[in-house]
Amino acid sequence: MRIRDHLGTVFSDEEFREAFGDRGRPGISPGQLALVSVLQYAENLTDRQAAHAVRARIDVKYLLGLEPADTGFDFTVLTGFRHRLVDRGLEERVLDLLLQCLAGQGLVGAGGRQRTDSTHVLTAVRRLNRLEFVGETLRACLEALATAGPQWLAAWIEPSWQERYGARTDAYRLPSSRSDRDTLAQQIAADGYRLLEAMHAATAPAWLRDRLVEVKRTYDPGNLFHLNQNIMP
């Protein structure tokens, strides 16, 4: 709320006309999406969590200048927004505009964190989304196996998995520090490989081994090893 009280509308759609001249249905403002992207970085939110915040939090609605009853947008809109920015080389405008406004109002100092650039912000959001995706995919696999083969699953699964995969990944905040996120990514990858090994074992039900190729196509723990690559968005 402080940002809006001091700055008013931070991002105008005119700043993004080059990328969003044909922006699609009315009501989804590129300026608002840019501000949501900065919010994601500040609060460590994935796309799903950010979209939920727009729908559910009055402070976020106030920040974006939305009516209290506004229903927001689907989380996939944020992915499309980042794609357009990157495709047209406009990603630097997202954070640079905000930092200029904050500095002009004295809300950040010359030696503050304003040196963080937009590429860093968008890359951090991308990593969060990928970690959420792989973690949620593993959780969904385990949930399906708990229904289809509960005895087989209970025979080898570790109790700690319930804590990691008992709730949907988007129901809690992922670690805020890079090192903690890397640790979680490594743990999910190790758990994923453990699951694939168990499915491939001779003690696994025949029907489960027959589905192994399909499971590997859906869930590849190796995706987590690409989390640190600077791939946008």
Protein backbone atom coordinates (compact mmCIF):
# COMPACT_ATOMS: atom_id res chain seq x y z
CA MET A 1 0.00 0.00 0.00
CA ARG A 2 2.89 2.36 0.73
CA ILE A 3 4.02 2.18 -2.89
CA ARG A 4 0.62 3.18 -4.25
CA ASP A 5 0.17 5.91 -1.64
CA HIS A 6 3.52 7.46 -2.60
CA LEU A 7 3.60 6.78 -6.32
CA GLY A 8 0.05 6.31 -7.56
CA THR A 9 0.10 4.31 -10.79
CA VAL A 10 3.64 3.01 -11.17
CA PHE A 11 3.36 1.38 -14.59
CA SER A 12 1.25 2.75 -17.42
CA ASP A 13 0.19 0.63 -20.38
CA GLU A 14 1.90 3.13 -22.68
CA GLU A 15 5.27 1.90 -21.42
CA PHE A 16 4.48 -1.53 -22.89
CA ARG A 17 2.70 -0.53 -26.09
CA GLU A 18 5.48 -2.05 -28.23
CA ALA A 19 4.80 -5.50 -26.77
CA PHE A 20 1.09 -5.22 -25.99
CA GLY A 21 -0.49 -3.18 -28.74
CA ASP A 22 -2.74 -6.21 -29.32
CA ARG A 23 -2.87 -7.22 -25.68
CA GLY A 24 -6.05 -9.32 -25.85
CA ARG A 25 -9.19 -9.06 -23.80
CA PRO A 26 -9.82 -5.77 -21.95
CA GLY A 27 -9.17 -5.71 -18.21
CA ILE A 28 -5.71 -7.29 -18.18
CA SER A 29 -3.40 -4.31 -18.05
CA PRO A 30 0.30 -4.81 -18.90
CA GLY A 31 1.08 -2.13 -16.32
CA GLN A 32 -0.74 -4.13 -13.65
CA LEU A 33 0.97 -7.35 -14.69
CA ALA A 34 4.34 -5.62 -14.45
CA LEU A 35 3.56 -4.58 -10.89
CA VAL A 36 2.44 -8.13 -10.06
CA SER A 37 5.79 -9.40 -11.37
CA VAL A 38 7.64 -7.11 -8.97
CA LEU A 39 5.32 -8.27 -6.16
CA GLN A 40 6.17 -11.89 -6.98
CA TYR A 41 9.85 -11.18 -6.50
CA ALA A 42 9.31 -9.19 -3.30
CA GLU A 43 7.04 -11.80 -1.68
CA ASN A 44 8.46 -14.98 -3.22
CA LEU A 45 5.23 -15.89 -5.04
CA THR A 46 4.74 -18.33 -7.90
CA ASP A 47 2.35 -17.44 -10.73
CA ARG A 48 -0.48 -19.42 -9.09
CA GLN A 49 0.09 -17.75 -5.74
CA ALA A 50 0.34 -14.28 -7.27
CA ALA A 51 -2.90 -14.73 -9.22
CA HIS A 52 -4.59 -15.93 -6.02
CA ALA A 53 -3.27 -12.88 -4.16
CA VAL A 54 -4.81 -10.59 -6.79
CA ARG A 55 -8.18 -12.31 -6.30
CA ALA A 56 -8.10 -12.62 -2.51
CA ARG A 57 -6.00 -9.84 -0.95
CA ILE A 58 -7.40 -6.36 -0.53
CA ASP A 59 -3.91 -4.83 -0.21
CA VAL A 60 -2.93 -6.25 -3.61
CA LYS A 61 -6.15 -5.00 -5.18
CA TYR A 62 -5.40 -1.56 -3.75
CA LEU A 63 -1.85 -1.65 -5.09
CA LEU A 64 -3.14 -2.50 -8.57
CA GLY A 65 -6.04 -0.04 -8.45
CA LEU A 66 -8.66 -2.81 -8.72
CA GLU A 67 -12.18 -2.88 -7.34
CA PRO A 68 -12.69 -5.13 -4.29
CA ALA A 69 -14.92 -7.46 -6.31
CA ASP A 70 -12.44 -7.81 -9.20
CA THR A 71 -11.91 -11.50 -10.01
CA GLY A 72 -8.36 -11.07 -11.30
CA PHE A 73 -6.93 -13.30 -14.01
CA ASP A 74 -5.74 -16.84 -14.67
CA PHE A 75 -2.19 -17.50 -13.50
CA THR A 76 -1.07 -18.44 -17.04
CA VAL A 77 -1.47 -14.78 -18.04
CA LEU A 78 1.74 -14.01 -16.13
CA THR A 79 3.72 -16.52 -18.18
CA GLY A 80 2.42 -14.95 -21.38
CA PHE A 81 3.32 -11.50 -20.09
CA ARG A 82 6.92 -12.51 -19.43
CA HIS A 83 7.18 -14.18 -22.84
CA ARG A 84 6.10 -10.98 -24.58
CA LEU A 85 8.54 -8.84 -22.62
CA VAL A 86 11.47 -11.13 -23.36
CA ASP A 87 10.56 -11.70 -27.01
CA ARG A 88 10.66 -7.93 -27.58
CA GLY A 89 13.63 -7.22 -25.30
CA LEU A 90 11.59 -5.08 -22.93
CA GLU A 91 12.17 -6.97 -19.69
CA GLU A 92 14.44 -4.27 -18.26
CA ARG A 93 11.54 -1.83 -18.16
CA VAL A 94 9.67 -3.82 -15.53
CA LEU A 95 11.92 -3.23 -12.55
CA ASP A 96 13.80 -0.21 -13.88
CA LEU A 97 10.62 1.88 -13.99
CA LEU A 98 9.70 0.96 -10.44
CA LEU A 99 13.19 1.64 -9.10
CA GLN A 100 13.26 5.05 -10.77
CA CYS A 101 9.94 5.91 -9.14
CA LEU A 102 11.03 4.66 -5.72
CA ALA A 103 14.33 6.55 -5.91
CA GLY A 104 12.53 9.71 -6.98
CA GLN A 105 10.36 9.54 -3.86
CA GLY A 106 13.28 8.73 -1.58
CA LEU A 107 11.93 5.25 -0.81
CA VAL A 108 15.24 3.64 -1.74
CA GLY A 109 18.73 5.05 -1.31
CA ALA A 110 21.53 5.26 -3.83
CA GLY A 111 23.29 2.38 -2.12
CA GLY A 112 20.20 0.22 -1.74
CA ARG A 113 19.05 -2.88 -3.58
CA GLN A 114 17.89 -0.96 -6.65
CA ARG A 115 20.84 -2.37 -8.61
CA THR A 116 18.87 -5.61 -8.90
CA ASP A 117 17.77 -5.71 -12.52
CA SER A 118 14.63 -6.95 -14.21
CA THR A 119 16.32 -10.02 -15.67
CA HIS A 120 17.21 -11.10 -12.14
CA VAL A 121 13.61 -10.59 -10.99
CA LEU A 122 12.04 -12.51 -13.87
CA THR A 123 14.58 -15.33 -13.62
CA ALA A 124 13.84 -15.74 -9.91
CA VAL A 125 10.12 -15.99 -10.66
CA ARG A 126 10.78 -18.57 -13.38
CA ARG A 127 12.78 -20.73 -10.96
CA LEU A 128 9.99 -20.59 -8.40
CA ASN A 129 7.45 -21.71 -10.98
CA ARG A 130 9.59 -24.60 -12.18
CA LEU A 131 10.21 -25.79 -8.64
CA GLU A 132 6.49 -25.61 -7.90
CA PHE A 133 5.66 -27.52 -11.10
CA VAL A 134 8.03 -30.42 -10.46
CA GLY A 135 7.10 -30.67 -6.79
CA GLU A 136 3.39 -30.65 -7.58
CA THR A 137 3.86 -33.25 -10.34
CA LEU A 138 5.55 -35.62 -7.90
CA ARG A 139 2.82 -35.01 -5.33
CA ALA A 140 0.12 -35.82 -7.91
CA CYS A 141 1.93 -39.04 -8.89
CA LEU A 142 2.11 -40.14 -5.26
CA GLU A 143 -1.54 -39.31 -4.72
CA ALA A 144 -2.54 -41.43 -7.71
CA LEU A 145 -0.36 -44.32 -6.52
CA ALA A 146 -1.86 -44.09 -3.02
CA THR A 147 -5.22 -44.81 -4.62
CA ALA A 148 -4.14 -47.42 -7.17
CA GLY A 149 -1.53 -49.31 -5.13
CA PRO A 150 -1.69 -48.28 -1.47
CA GLN A 151 -0.04 -51.41 -0.05
CA TRP A 152 2.86 -51.28 -2.47
CA LEU A 153 3.42 -47.58 -1.80
CA ALA A 154 3.23 -47.96 1.99
CA ALA A 155 5.84 -50.73 1.90
CA TRP A 156 8.70 -48.44 0.87
CA ILE A 157 7.71 -44.77 1.13
CA GLU A 158 9.41 -42.80 3.90
CA PRO A 159 7.37 -40.96 6.58
CA SER A 160 9.08 -37.67 5.73
CA TRP A 161 7.41 -37.71 2.31
CA GLN A 162 4.05 -36.99 3.94
CA GLU A 163 5.39 -33.68 5.22
CA ARG A 164 6.86 -32.75 1.84
CA TYR A 165 4.03 -33.92 -0.41
CA GLY A 166 0.95 -34.07 1.80
CA ALA A 167 -0.30 -30.64 0.70
CA ARG A 168 -0.40 -28.98 -2.70
CA THR A 169 2.83 -27.19 -3.50
CA ASP A 170 1.04 -23.90 -4.11
CA ALA A 171 -0.50 -24.06 -0.62
CA TYR A 172 2.71 -22.87 1.05
CA ARG A 173 5.57 -20.48 0.36
CA LEU A 174 8.65 -21.96 -1.23
CA PRO A 175 11.99 -21.09 0.41
CA SER A 176 12.98 -17.46 -0.04
CA SER A 177 16.75 -17.99 -0.18
CA ARG A 178 18.51 -19.38 -3.24
CA SER A 179 20.42 -21.97 -1.19
CA ASP A 180 17.27 -23.27 0.51
CA ARG A 181 15.48 -23.53 -2.84
CA ASP A 182 18.42 -25.46 -4.27
CA THR A 183 18.31 -27.82 -1.29
CA LEU A 184 14.59 -28.41 -1.80
CA ALA A 185 15.11 -28.97 -5.53
CA GLN A 186 17.79 -31.57 -4.85
CA GLN A 187 15.51 -33.31 -2.34
CA ILE A 188 12.57 -33.44 -4.77
CA ALA A 189 14.87 -34.77 -7.51
CA ALA A 190 16.21 -37.48 -5.18
CA ASP A 191 12.68 -38.44 -4.17
CA GLY A 192 11.63 -38.58 -7.81
CA TYR A 193 14.46 -40.93 -8.71
CA ARG A 194 13.61 -43.05 -5.66
CA LEU A 195 10.04 -43.35 -6.92
CA LEU A 196 11.17 -44.39 -10.40
CA GLU A 197 13.52 -47.00 -8.92
CA ALA A 198 10.71 -48.44 -6.81
CA MET A 199 8.43 -48.64 -9.84
CA HIS A 200 11.17 -50.42 -11.79
CA ALA A 201 11.92 -52.96 -9.03
CA ALA A 202 10.96 -56.61 -9.39
CA THR A 203 8.66 -56.29 -6.40
CA ALA A 204 6.54 -53.64 -8.12
CA PRO A 205 3.18 -54.76 -9.54
CA ALA A 206 3.33 -55.72 -13.21
CA TRP A 207 0.73 -53.12 -14.15
CA LEU A 208 2.88 -50.44 -12.54
CA ARG A 209 6.03 -51.41 -14.44
CA ASP A 210 4.00 -51.29 -17.65
CA ARG A 211 3.14 -47.66 -16.86
CA LEU A 212 6.73 -46.69 -16.13
CA VAL A 213 7.42 -45.19 -19.56
CA GLU A 214 4.33 -43.02 -19.30
CA VAL A 215 5.29 -41.85 -15.83
CA LYS A 216 8.81 -40.96 -16.99
CA ARG A 217 7.34 -38.93 -19.81
CA THR A 218 5.16 -37.02 -17.35
CA TYR A 219 7.64 -36.65 -14.52
CA ASP A 220 11.36 -36.20 -15.10
CA PRO A 221 13.31 -35.37 -11.92
CA GLY A 222 16.14 -34.25 -14.18
CA ASN A 223 14.14 -31.09 -14.89
CA LEU A 224 15.24 -29.83 -11.51
CA PHE A 225 18.87 -29.85 -12.56
CA HIS A 226 18.04 -27.05 -15.02
CA LEU A 227 16.70 -24.74 -12.31
CA ASN A 228 19.90 -22.72 -12.16
CA GLN A 229 20.11 -22.10 -15.87
CA ASN A 230 19.39 -18.53 -16.91
CA ILE A 231 16.48 -19.43 -19.17
CA MET A 232 13.73 -16.90 -19.64
CA PRO A 233 10.94 -16.64 -18.78
